[in-house]
Amino acid sequence: MRGEFAGACEYYEQAIAVVTEVGATEDVVRMRARQAQLYWLLGDADSSAAAMAQARRYAERVAWPEALAELALAKAELARWSGDTEQASRQLGVATAMLGNDIERANPRAVTQDLLGYLAEDLDKACEHRVAAVKAASEAGNAPQIAKVLVGIADLALRREQFEQAARLLAASTSVRGLPDHSQPDVARIEQAARRRLGETQFTEATREGMRADWRELAAVTLAC
């Protein structure tokens, strides 16, 4: 989260060695998939591809639908970051199929609806997915998930050219999480766009407002579809 991606990848390597030793193969799938994302953020495409390939190989050894769904979701997010929306949609479909009825649980619903919000080209449709995502995240009560969903709502505000609201929502996300999340490229993208359009003074003021505001109220204002 602090942007120390090389160090994070090294820690994942140590963790993977331990869980491999105890035979927790399904955990290796998730860890390698996340490590692949971190290598991508580090700009190391070869290591990212190698980590994802290892995640796939481990996934072939397990029959845990949740582990396979996590792998597909990691692939979908990585594809979206890379601009490959077709692959992102395909992997999301795989994850949804793997989850089956579990897709109705709050956490998977928040993750999938958040991703669908990014992929939706129509703004009204994107808004519907954002409404579903924030509802699911609120039900789960998971602070990191709520913070991530707020970034997605900030993306919707940005797409609507509501630049001050986008800045407020990013600040609210940071407040919920407790510190900025540099492992989410959408944060930097939205911040740069809002800062460029608002200017430094206006962006800073909107950020202050977002830090003081109730994140539920900020979300509700933006999601009045």
Protein backbone atom coordinates (compact mmCIF):
# COMPACT_ATOMS: atom_id res chain seq x y z
CA MET A 1 0.00 0.00 0.00
CA ARG A 2 2.94 2.34 0.63
CA GLY A 3 4.23 1.73 -2.89
CA GLU A 4 7.17 -0.42 -1.78
CA PHE A 5 6.35 -3.05 -4.41
CA ALA A 6 9.77 -4.70 -4.61
CA GLY A 7 9.82 -5.28 -0.87
CA ALA A 8 6.25 -6.55 -0.94
CA CYS A 9 7.15 -9.06 -3.65
CA GLU A 10 10.05 -10.32 -1.55
CA TYR A 11 7.77 -10.80 1.46
CA TYR A 12 5.31 -12.68 -0.73
CA GLU A 13 8.15 -14.93 -1.84
CA GLN A 14 8.94 -15.76 1.78
CA ALA A 15 5.27 -16.34 2.59
CA ILE A 16 4.83 -18.60 -0.44
CA ALA A 17 7.79 -20.72 0.68
CA VAL A 18 6.15 -21.22 4.08
CA VAL A 19 2.64 -22.06 2.86
CA THR A 20 4.10 -24.38 0.19
CA GLU A 21 5.93 -26.25 2.93
CA VAL A 22 2.71 -26.84 4.85
CA GLY A 23 0.80 -27.75 1.68
CA ALA A 24 -1.63 -24.82 1.54
CA THR A 25 -1.72 -24.82 -2.27
CA GLU A 26 -4.89 -22.73 -2.52
CA ASP A 27 -3.14 -19.89 -0.64
CA VAL A 28 -0.24 -19.99 -3.10
CA VAL A 29 -2.69 -19.35 -5.96
CA ARG A 30 -3.90 -16.16 -4.32
CA MET A 31 -0.43 -15.01 -3.27
CA ARG A 32 1.16 -15.56 -6.69
CA ALA A 33 -1.73 -13.76 -8.39
CA ARG A 34 -1.32 -10.75 -6.10
CA GLN A 35 2.45 -10.87 -6.56
CA ALA A 36 1.88 -10.75 -10.33
CA GLN A 37 -0.09 -7.54 -9.88
CA LEU A 38 2.65 -6.02 -7.70
CA TYR A 39 5.33 -6.88 -10.25
CA TRP A 40 3.17 -5.18 -12.89
CA LEU A 41 2.95 -2.06 -10.72
CA LEU A 42 6.72 -2.24 -10.33
CA GLY A 43 7.03 -2.20 -14.13
CA ASP A 44 8.48 -5.72 -14.31
CA ALA A 45 6.29 -7.34 -16.96
CA ASP A 46 8.38 -10.53 -17.21
CA SER A 47 8.22 -11.24 -13.46
CA SER A 48 4.51 -10.43 -13.48
CA ALA A 49 3.87 -12.95 -16.25
CA ALA A 50 6.02 -15.58 -14.51
CA ALA A 51 4.17 -15.14 -11.20
CA MET A 52 0.79 -15.41 -12.91
CA ALA A 53 1.95 -18.54 -14.77
CA GLN A 54 2.94 -20.09 -11.44
CA ALA A 55 -0.45 -19.15 -10.01
CA ARG A 56 -2.11 -20.95 -12.93
CA ARG A 57 0.02 -24.06 -12.40
CA TYR A 58 -0.91 -24.20 -8.72
CA ALA A 59 -4.56 -23.60 -9.60
CA GLU A 60 -4.52 -26.78 -11.70
CA ARG A 61 -3.74 -28.75 -8.52
CA VAL A 62 -6.66 -27.53 -6.44
CA ALA A 63 -10.39 -27.93 -6.71
CA TRP A 64 -11.27 -25.00 -4.48
CA PRO A 65 -13.71 -22.83 -6.50
CA GLU A 66 -12.92 -19.80 -4.33
CA ALA A 67 -9.18 -20.03 -5.07
CA LEU A 68 -9.87 -20.36 -8.79
CA ALA A 69 -12.28 -17.42 -8.64
CA GLU A 70 -9.66 -15.29 -6.85
CA LEU A 71 -7.18 -16.11 -9.63
CA ALA A 72 -9.69 -15.12 -12.31
CA LEU A 73 -10.50 -11.87 -10.50
CA ALA A 74 -6.79 -11.04 -10.20
CA LYS A 75 -6.40 -11.67 -13.93
CA ALA A 76 -9.45 -9.51 -14.64
CA GLU A 77 -8.09 -6.61 -12.59
CA LEU A 78 -4.66 -6.88 -14.18
CA ALA A 79 -6.24 -6.96 -17.64
CA ARG A 80 -8.29 -3.87 -16.84
CA TRP A 81 -5.22 -2.01 -15.61
CA SER A 82 -3.56 -2.91 -18.91
CA GLY A 83 -6.53 -1.61 -20.91
CA ASP A 84 -7.70 -5.04 -22.09
CA THR A 85 -11.39 -4.76 -21.19
CA GLU A 86 -12.32 -7.79 -23.29
CA GLN A 87 -10.00 -10.05 -21.29
CA ALA A 88 -11.13 -8.42 -18.05
CA SER A 89 -14.77 -9.22 -18.88
CA ARG A 90 -13.88 -12.77 -19.86
CA GLN A 91 -12.04 -13.43 -16.59
CA LEU A 92 -14.85 -11.86 -14.60
CA GLY A 93 -17.20 -14.33 -16.26
CA VAL A 94 -14.91 -17.19 -15.23
CA ALA A 95 -14.84 -15.94 -11.63
CA THR A 96 -18.62 -15.58 -11.52
CA ALA A 97 -19.06 -19.15 -12.80
CA MET A 98 -16.58 -20.49 -10.24
CA LEU A 99 -18.27 -18.71 -7.35
CA GLY A 100 -21.74 -20.02 -8.21
CA ASN A 101 -24.18 -19.22 -5.42
CA ASP A 102 -21.37 -17.74 -3.34
CA ILE A 103 -21.48 -14.70 -5.65
CA GLU A 104 -24.39 -13.53 -3.48
CA ARG A 105 -22.14 -13.19 -0.43
CA ALA A 106 -21.25 -9.60 0.43
CA ASN A 107 -17.48 -9.66 -0.26
CA PRO A 108 -17.58 -11.36 -3.70
CA ARG A 109 -20.53 -9.18 -4.67
CA ALA A 110 -18.62 -6.02 -3.75
CA VAL A 111 -15.55 -7.13 -5.74
CA THR A 112 -17.45 -8.15 -8.87
CA GLN A 113 -19.80 -5.15 -8.88
CA ASP A 114 -16.83 -2.80 -8.40
CA LEU A 115 -15.10 -4.33 -11.42
CA LEU A 116 -18.29 -4.17 -13.48
CA GLY A 117 -18.54 -0.47 -12.64
CA TYR A 118 -15.17 0.14 -14.29
CA LEU A 119 -16.02 -1.98 -17.31
CA ALA A 120 -19.45 -0.48 -18.00
CA GLU A 121 -19.30 2.04 -20.84
CA ASP A 122 -22.75 3.48 -20.13
CA LEU A 123 -22.61 5.85 -17.15
CA ASP A 124 -26.08 4.93 -15.89
CA LYS A 125 -25.13 1.25 -15.95
CA ALA A 126 -21.85 2.04 -14.23
CA CYS A 127 -23.79 3.90 -11.54
CA GLU A 128 -26.03 0.87 -10.95
CA HIS A 129 -22.96 -1.31 -10.41
CA ARG A 130 -21.48 1.26 -8.03
CA VAL A 131 -24.70 1.31 -6.00
CA ALA A 132 -24.59 -2.48 -5.74
CA ALA A 133 -20.89 -2.43 -4.84
CA VAL A 134 -21.20 0.07 -2.01
CA LYS A 135 -24.24 -1.76 -0.62
CA ALA A 136 -22.32 -5.05 -0.59
CA ALA A 137 -19.19 -3.49 0.92
CA SER A 138 -21.29 -1.86 3.64
CA GLU A 139 -22.91 -5.21 4.43
CA ALA A 140 -19.49 -6.86 4.69
CA GLY A 141 -18.19 -4.08 6.93
CA ASN A 142 -14.67 -4.53 5.56
CA ALA A 143 -12.83 -1.18 5.72
CA PRO A 144 -10.31 -1.91 2.90
CA GLN A 145 -13.17 -3.07 0.67
CA ILE A 146 -15.22 0.04 1.45
CA ALA A 147 -12.18 2.19 0.69
CA LYS A 148 -11.68 0.44 -2.65
CA VAL A 149 -15.34 0.83 -3.59
CA LEU A 150 -15.11 4.56 -2.82
CA VAL A 151 -12.28 4.85 -5.35
CA GLY A 152 -14.62 3.27 -7.89
CA ILE A 153 -17.28 5.86 -7.08
CA ALA A 154 -14.63 8.56 -7.49
CA ASP A 155 -14.01 7.12 -10.96
CA LEU A 156 -17.70 7.54 -11.74
CA ALA A 157 -17.56 11.16 -10.52
CA LEU A 158 -14.54 11.74 -12.75
CA ARG A 159 -16.32 10.27 -15.78
CA ARG A 160 -19.18 12.68 -15.10
CA GLU A 161 -16.66 15.54 -14.86
CA GLN A 162 -17.51 16.10 -11.19
CA PHE A 163 -13.89 16.76 -10.36
CA GLU A 164 -14.34 18.19 -6.86
CA GLN A 165 -16.49 15.22 -5.86
CA ALA A 166 -13.89 12.83 -7.26
CA ALA A 167 -11.24 14.48 -5.06
CA ARG A 168 -13.53 14.32 -2.00
CA LEU A 169 -14.21 10.62 -2.55
CA LEU A 170 -10.52 9.81 -2.88
CA ALA A 171 -9.88 11.61 0.41
CA ALA A 172 -12.75 9.75 2.05
CA SER A 173 -11.30 6.46 0.79
CA THR A 174 -7.94 7.30 2.37
CA SER A 175 -9.67 8.24 5.61
CA VAL A 176 -11.55 4.93 5.76
CA ARG A 177 -8.41 2.92 5.00
CA GLY A 178 -6.11 4.93 7.25
CA LEU A 179 -3.39 5.66 4.69
CA PRO A 180 -3.10 6.20 0.92
CA ASP A 181 -3.13 3.02 -1.18
CA HIS A 182 -0.38 3.24 -3.79
CA SER A 183 -1.12 -0.32 -4.91
CA GLN A 184 -4.28 0.91 -6.65
CA PRO A 185 -3.37 2.59 -9.96
CA ASP A 186 -6.87 4.04 -10.23
CA VAL A 187 -6.14 6.31 -7.26
CA ALA A 188 -3.20 7.99 -9.00
CA ARG A 189 -5.08 8.23 -12.31
CA ILE A 190 -8.15 9.88 -10.76
CA GLU A 191 -6.07 12.18 -8.57
CA GLN A 192 -3.96 13.39 -11.50
CA ALA A 193 -7.01 14.09 -13.64
CA ALA A 194 -8.88 15.93 -10.86
CA ARG A 195 -5.81 17.91 -9.81
CA ARG A 196 -5.17 18.95 -13.41
CA ARG A 197 -8.73 20.22 -13.91
CA LEU A 198 -9.18 21.87 -10.50
CA GLY A 199 -5.75 23.33 -9.87
CA GLU A 200 -3.78 22.84 -6.70
CA THR A 201 -5.77 25.16 -4.41
CA GLN A 202 -9.21 23.85 -5.34
CA PHE A 203 -8.04 20.24 -5.29
CA THR A 204 -6.55 20.68 -1.80
CA GLU A 205 -9.76 22.24 -0.49
CA ALA A 206 -11.89 19.43 -1.95
CA THR A 207 -9.53 16.90 -0.35
CA ARG A 208 -9.94 18.56 3.05
CA GLU A 209 -13.71 18.43 2.65
CA GLY A 210 -13.55 14.75 1.78
CA MET A 211 -11.46 13.95 4.84
CA ARG A 212 -14.04 15.62 7.10
CA ALA A 213 -17.16 14.26 5.39
CA ASP A 214 -19.13 11.09 6.07
CA TRP A 215 -18.21 8.67 3.27
CA ARG A 216 -21.79 7.38 3.13
CA GLU A 217 -23.11 10.87 2.37
CA LEU A 218 -20.46 11.47 -0.29
CA ALA A 219 -21.27 8.15 -1.94
CA ALA A 220 -25.02 8.82 -1.83
CA VAL A 221 -24.63 12.20 -3.52
CA THR A 222 -22.63 10.73 -6.38
CA LEU A 223 -24.85 7.67 -6.71
CA ALA A 224 -28.09 9.62 -7.09
CA CYS A 225 -28.39 8.02 -10.54
